[in-house]
Amino acid sequence: MTNVATQEKVNWANKVPEITLFFWLIKMMSTTVGETAADFLNVNLNFGLTNTSVVTGILLVISLFFQIRARRYVPALYWMSVLLISVFGTLLTDNLTDNFNVPLAFSTVMFGALLIVTFSIWYKNEKTLSIHEIDTVRRELFYWAAILFTFALGTAAGDWVAEGMNLGYSTAAIAFGGLIVITACAHYLLRMNAVLCFWIAYVLTRPFGASCGDLLAQTPDNGGLGLGTTGTSCLFLVAIIGLVGYLTFTERKMAQ
């Protein structure tokens, strides 16, 4: 009798998009929106951290429910889940910092450890961390757990460098951007393991995007450019919607 895992692999296509320039552009913009949208809901709309976390958490669960039920990669559904998990990951760190006075350095180490544990259990059970093989329910659950911790880790690390170390948003953006370039060079020039480089870059794009978001949104007195959370969120949301719309159109065209 064919087991459940085998049936899933037969019926499922890979649930993660190809790693292209579009992937990284949307991912980095979603990290920026995650940072600014969390601030917008929390501060501008006066939801407060707790209410913002509850609302975002409910929306994330609903989105992931439909994402996991889907039998193939659906651009709009996948990127909606990424966007919501970006906001929720930001709120995890913000709640620890603002409500429980957990130092950013500790949060960075803690979420880094949780990510390593997730990868360890994932690899022990599946013998791979490749995103080209997200073709069973269990693998997708491991994938989204890892994504959540990368966003929480990236938020903590970005805030720690920019605010905790008083280096400023522009310096943090340059530092994390430089690390992304080094990772890309390690992969393309030194042939470093593709899966390892992907996950390193995925973690680094979170603090890079968050630092860019803060740089655009914060007032000049706080080291930013003063666009505000509303303007920054809307700017990147429009760009994300445009790119996801394009990917949806091309997916449908290829399926014909």
Protein backbone atom coordinates (compact mmCIF):
# COMPACT_ATOMS: atom_id res chain seq x y z
CA MET A 1 0.00 0.00 0.00
CA THR A 2 1.34 3.45 -0.86
CA ASN A 3 2.03 5.48 2.26
CA VAL A 4 0.74 9.00 2.89
CA ALA A 5 4.07 10.71 2.28
CA THR A 6 4.40 9.04 -1.12
CA GLN A 7 0.86 10.03 -2.06
CA GLU A 8 1.60 13.62 -1.11
CA LYS A 9 4.71 13.67 -3.30
CA VAL A 10 2.74 12.31 -6.23
CA ASN A 11 -0.09 14.84 -5.88
CA TRP A 12 1.85 17.94 -4.89
CA ALA A 13 4.01 20.25 -6.90
CA ASN A 14 6.73 22.20 -5.14
CA LYS A 15 4.99 24.89 -3.08
CA VAL A 16 7.83 27.43 -3.16
CA PRO A 17 8.60 29.73 -6.12
CA GLU A 18 11.77 29.55 -8.14
CA ILE A 19 14.60 31.63 -6.70
CA THR A 20 14.80 34.49 -9.19
CA LEU A 21 15.41 38.22 -9.01
CA PHE A 22 11.64 38.67 -8.54
CA PHE A 23 11.75 36.36 -5.53
CA TRP A 24 14.40 38.42 -3.76
CA LEU A 25 12.81 41.75 -4.69
CA ILE A 26 9.42 40.76 -3.30
CA LYS A 27 11.00 39.13 -0.26
CA MET A 28 13.02 42.22 0.65
CA MET A 29 10.05 44.52 0.12
CA SER A 30 7.87 42.25 2.26
CA THR A 31 10.39 42.58 5.08
CA THR A 32 10.19 46.36 4.79
CA VAL A 33 6.39 46.23 4.83
CA GLY A 34 6.54 43.87 7.81
CA GLU A 35 8.48 46.47 9.77
CA THR A 36 6.48 49.53 8.75
CA ALA A 37 3.04 47.85 8.77
CA ALA A 38 3.57 46.59 12.32
CA ASP A 39 4.47 50.13 13.41
CA PHE A 40 1.52 51.58 11.49
CA LEU A 41 -1.03 49.25 13.13
CA ASN A 42 0.55 49.54 16.55
CA VAL A 43 1.21 53.29 16.69
CA ASN A 44 -0.73 55.12 13.96
CA LEU A 45 -3.99 53.19 14.39
CA ASN A 46 -3.46 52.81 18.15
CA PHE A 47 -4.10 49.06 18.07
CA GLY A 48 -1.33 48.44 20.57
CA LEU A 49 1.13 45.57 20.37
CA THR A 50 -1.20 42.98 21.86
CA ASN A 51 -4.19 43.72 19.61
CA THR A 52 -1.97 44.06 16.54
CA SER A 53 -0.37 40.70 17.31
CA VAL A 54 -3.76 38.99 17.78
CA VAL A 55 -5.24 40.39 14.56
CA THR A 56 -2.13 39.62 12.52
CA GLY A 57 -1.85 36.15 14.06
CA ILE A 58 -5.44 35.28 13.10
CA LEU A 59 -4.93 36.51 9.54
CA LEU A 60 -1.68 34.53 9.32
CA VAL A 61 -3.34 31.29 10.48
CA ILE A 62 -6.10 31.74 7.89
CA SER A 63 -3.61 32.48 5.12
CA LEU A 64 -1.39 29.50 6.01
CA PHE A 65 -4.44 27.23 6.18
CA PHE A 66 -5.27 27.93 2.54
CA GLN A 67 -1.59 27.97 1.54
CA ILE A 68 -1.01 24.49 2.97
CA ARG A 69 -4.26 23.17 1.46
CA ALA A 70 -3.22 24.32 -2.00
CA ARG A 71 -1.70 21.61 -4.20
CA ARG A 72 0.61 23.91 -6.11
CA TYR A 73 2.39 27.23 -5.86
CA VAL A 74 -0.10 30.11 -6.08
CA PRO A 75 1.80 33.44 -6.18
CA ALA A 76 -0.85 35.60 -4.48
CA LEU A 77 -1.47 33.05 -1.71
CA TYR A 78 2.20 32.34 -1.09
CA TRP A 79 3.26 35.99 -0.93
CA MET A 80 0.28 36.93 1.24
CA SER A 81 1.51 34.33 3.73
CA VAL A 82 5.06 35.73 3.54
CA LEU A 83 3.79 39.27 4.07
CA LEU A 84 1.71 38.31 7.11
CA ILE A 85 4.46 36.18 8.63
CA SER A 86 6.81 39.13 8.15
CA VAL A 87 4.51 41.37 10.20
CA PHE A 88 3.91 38.67 12.83
CA GLY A 89 7.64 37.88 13.11
CA THR A 90 8.32 41.57 13.69
CA LEU A 91 5.65 41.66 16.39
CA LEU A 92 7.16 38.65 18.19
CA THR A 93 10.38 40.56 18.69
CA ASP A 94 8.62 43.85 19.47
CA ASN A 95 6.48 42.18 22.14
CA LEU A 96 9.52 40.67 23.83
CA THR A 97 11.32 44.02 23.75
CA ASP A 98 8.50 46.40 24.69
CA ASN A 99 6.23 44.28 26.89
CA PHE A 100 8.75 41.99 28.58
CA ASN A 101 11.94 44.11 28.44
CA VAL A 102 13.91 41.31 26.80
CA PRO A 103 17.23 42.73 25.48
CA LEU A 104 17.60 42.67 21.70
CA ALA A 105 20.88 40.81 22.02
CA PHE A 106 19.13 38.01 23.92
CA SER A 107 16.26 37.92 21.40
CA THR A 108 18.78 37.65 18.56
CA VAL A 109 20.53 34.69 20.18
CA MET A 110 17.24 33.04 21.18
CA PHE A 111 15.63 33.22 17.73
CA GLY A 112 18.92 32.14 16.15
CA ALA A 113 18.91 29.07 18.40
CA LEU A 114 15.26 28.32 17.60
CA LEU A 115 16.05 28.55 13.89
CA ILE A 116 18.97 26.13 14.25
CA VAL A 117 16.76 23.71 16.20
CA THR A 118 14.09 23.93 13.49
CA PHE A 119 16.65 23.20 10.78
CA SER A 120 18.07 20.30 12.81
CA ILE A 121 14.68 18.63 13.30
CA TRP A 122 13.73 19.33 9.69
CA TYR A 123 16.92 17.74 8.37
CA LYS A 124 16.71 14.80 10.77
CA ASN A 125 13.22 13.97 9.52
CA GLU A 126 13.51 14.88 5.84
CA LYS A 127 17.26 14.55 5.07
CA THR A 128 17.12 17.83 3.15
CA LEU A 129 16.58 21.55 3.70
CA SER A 130 16.15 22.26 0.00
CA ILE A 131 13.33 24.63 -0.88
CA HIS A 132 13.05 22.84 -4.23
CA GLU A 133 11.45 19.90 -2.44
CA ILE A 134 8.64 21.48 -0.38
CA ASP A 135 6.20 18.85 -1.62
CA THR A 136 4.63 17.36 1.52
CA VAL A 137 2.62 18.83 4.38
CA ARG A 138 5.36 18.08 6.91
CA ARG A 139 8.05 19.74 4.83
CA GLU A 140 5.87 22.79 4.32
CA LEU A 141 5.23 23.07 8.07
CA PHE A 142 8.99 22.95 8.70
CA TYR A 143 9.46 25.55 5.97
CA TRP A 144 6.99 28.06 7.45
CA ALA A 145 8.33 27.53 10.97
CA ALA A 146 11.81 28.35 9.68
CA ILE A 147 10.47 31.39 7.81
CA LEU A 148 8.81 32.70 10.99
CA PHE A 149 12.03 32.43 12.97
CA THR A 150 14.08 34.08 10.20
CA PHE A 151 11.78 37.12 10.36
CA ALA A 152 11.84 37.29 14.16
CA LEU A 153 15.63 36.82 14.15
CA GLY A 154 16.12 39.42 11.44
CA THR A 155 14.00 41.96 13.31
CA ALA A 156 15.92 41.43 16.53
CA ALA A 157 19.32 41.56 14.81
CA GLY A 158 18.43 44.63 12.75
CA ASP A 159 17.11 46.58 15.75
CA TRP A 160 20.05 45.47 17.87
CA VAL A 161 22.58 46.78 15.36
CA ALA A 162 20.68 49.98 14.45
CA GLU A 163 19.29 50.92 17.86
CA GLY A 164 20.96 48.77 20.50
CA MET A 165 24.45 49.54 19.20
CA ASN A 166 23.46 53.08 18.17
CA LEU A 167 24.87 52.58 14.67
CA GLY A 168 21.82 54.03 12.92
CA TYR A 169 19.57 52.68 10.18
CA SER A 170 21.77 53.60 7.23
CA THR A 171 24.82 51.91 8.75
CA ALA A 172 22.77 48.81 9.57
CA ALA A 173 21.39 48.68 6.02
CA ILE A 174 24.90 48.96 4.56
CA ALA A 175 26.27 46.32 6.94
CA PHE A 176 23.56 43.74 6.23
CA GLY A 177 23.55 44.58 2.52
CA GLY A 178 27.30 43.96 2.46
CA LEU A 179 26.82 40.56 4.13
CA ILE A 180 24.25 39.65 1.46
CA VAL A 181 26.75 40.54 -1.27
CA ILE A 182 29.42 38.43 0.45
CA THR A 183 26.99 35.49 0.64
CA ALA A 184 26.14 35.84 -3.06
CA CYS A 185 29.84 35.91 -3.96
CA ALA A 186 30.48 32.84 -1.79
CA HIS A 187 27.84 30.95 -3.75
CA TYR A 188 28.48 32.13 -7.30
CA LEU A 189 32.27 32.54 -7.16
CA LEU A 190 33.38 30.03 -4.52
CA ARG A 191 30.60 27.47 -5.17
CA MET A 192 29.51 27.43 -1.55
CA ASN A 193 26.55 25.13 -0.84
CA ALA A 194 23.41 26.57 -2.46
CA VAL A 195 21.00 25.58 0.32
CA LEU A 196 23.24 27.06 3.02
CA CYS A 197 23.71 30.29 1.06
CA PHE A 198 19.99 30.59 0.44
CA TRP A 199 19.10 30.40 4.12
CA ILE A 200 21.90 32.78 5.12
CA ALA A 201 20.67 35.29 2.54
CA TYR A 202 17.07 34.75 3.62
CA VAL A 203 17.94 35.63 7.21
CA LEU A 204 20.03 38.65 6.18
CA THR A 205 17.37 40.15 3.90
CA ARG A 206 15.11 40.58 6.95
CA PRO A 207 17.34 43.03 8.90
CA PHE A 208 18.37 44.64 5.61
CA GLY A 209 14.74 45.25 4.64
CA ALA A 210 13.81 46.31 8.18
CA SER A 211 16.69 48.80 8.31
CA CYS A 212 15.70 50.19 4.92
CA GLY A 213 12.10 50.48 6.10
CA ASP A 214 13.10 52.34 9.26
CA LEU A 215 15.48 54.53 7.27
CA LEU A 216 12.62 55.58 4.98
CA ALA A 217 9.90 55.84 7.63
CA GLN A 218 11.58 57.41 10.65
CA THR A 219 11.84 61.17 11.09
CA PRO A 220 15.16 62.92 10.34
CA ASP A 221 15.61 63.46 14.10
CA ASN A 222 15.64 59.68 14.50
CA GLY A 223 18.01 59.11 11.59
CA GLY A 224 15.38 58.47 8.90
CA LEU A 225 14.14 60.18 5.75
CA GLY A 226 10.71 61.05 7.13
CA LEU A 227 8.40 59.24 4.67
CA GLY A 228 6.39 57.83 7.57
CA THR A 229 5.07 54.31 8.09
CA THR A 230 1.98 54.97 5.97
CA GLY A 231 3.88 56.26 2.95
CA THR A 232 6.56 53.58 3.15
CA SER A 233 4.04 50.74 3.59
CA CYS A 234 1.89 51.94 0.68
CA LEU A 235 4.90 52.42 -1.59
CA PHE A 236 6.17 48.88 -1.13
CA LEU A 237 2.71 47.29 -1.03
CA VAL A 238 1.95 48.73 -4.46
CA ALA A 239 5.26 47.40 -5.78
CA ILE A 240 4.61 43.95 -4.27
CA ILE A 241 1.08 43.78 -5.70
CA GLY A 242 2.41 44.74 -9.12
CA LEU A 243 5.12 42.06 -9.09
CA VAL A 244 2.82 39.35 -7.71
CA GLY A 245 0.25 40.27 -10.35
CA TYR A 246 2.90 39.86 -13.02
CA LEU A 247 3.97 36.47 -11.61
CA THR A 248 0.34 35.32 -11.47
CA PHE A 249 -0.14 36.31 -15.12
CA THR A 250 3.00 34.47 -16.23
CA GLU A 251 2.08 31.37 -14.18
CA ARG A 252 -1.32 31.18 -15.87
CA LYS A 253 0.20 31.77 -19.29
CA MET A 254 2.70 28.95 -18.77
CA ALA A 255 -0.09 26.62 -17.62
CA GLN A 256 -2.06 27.10 -20.84
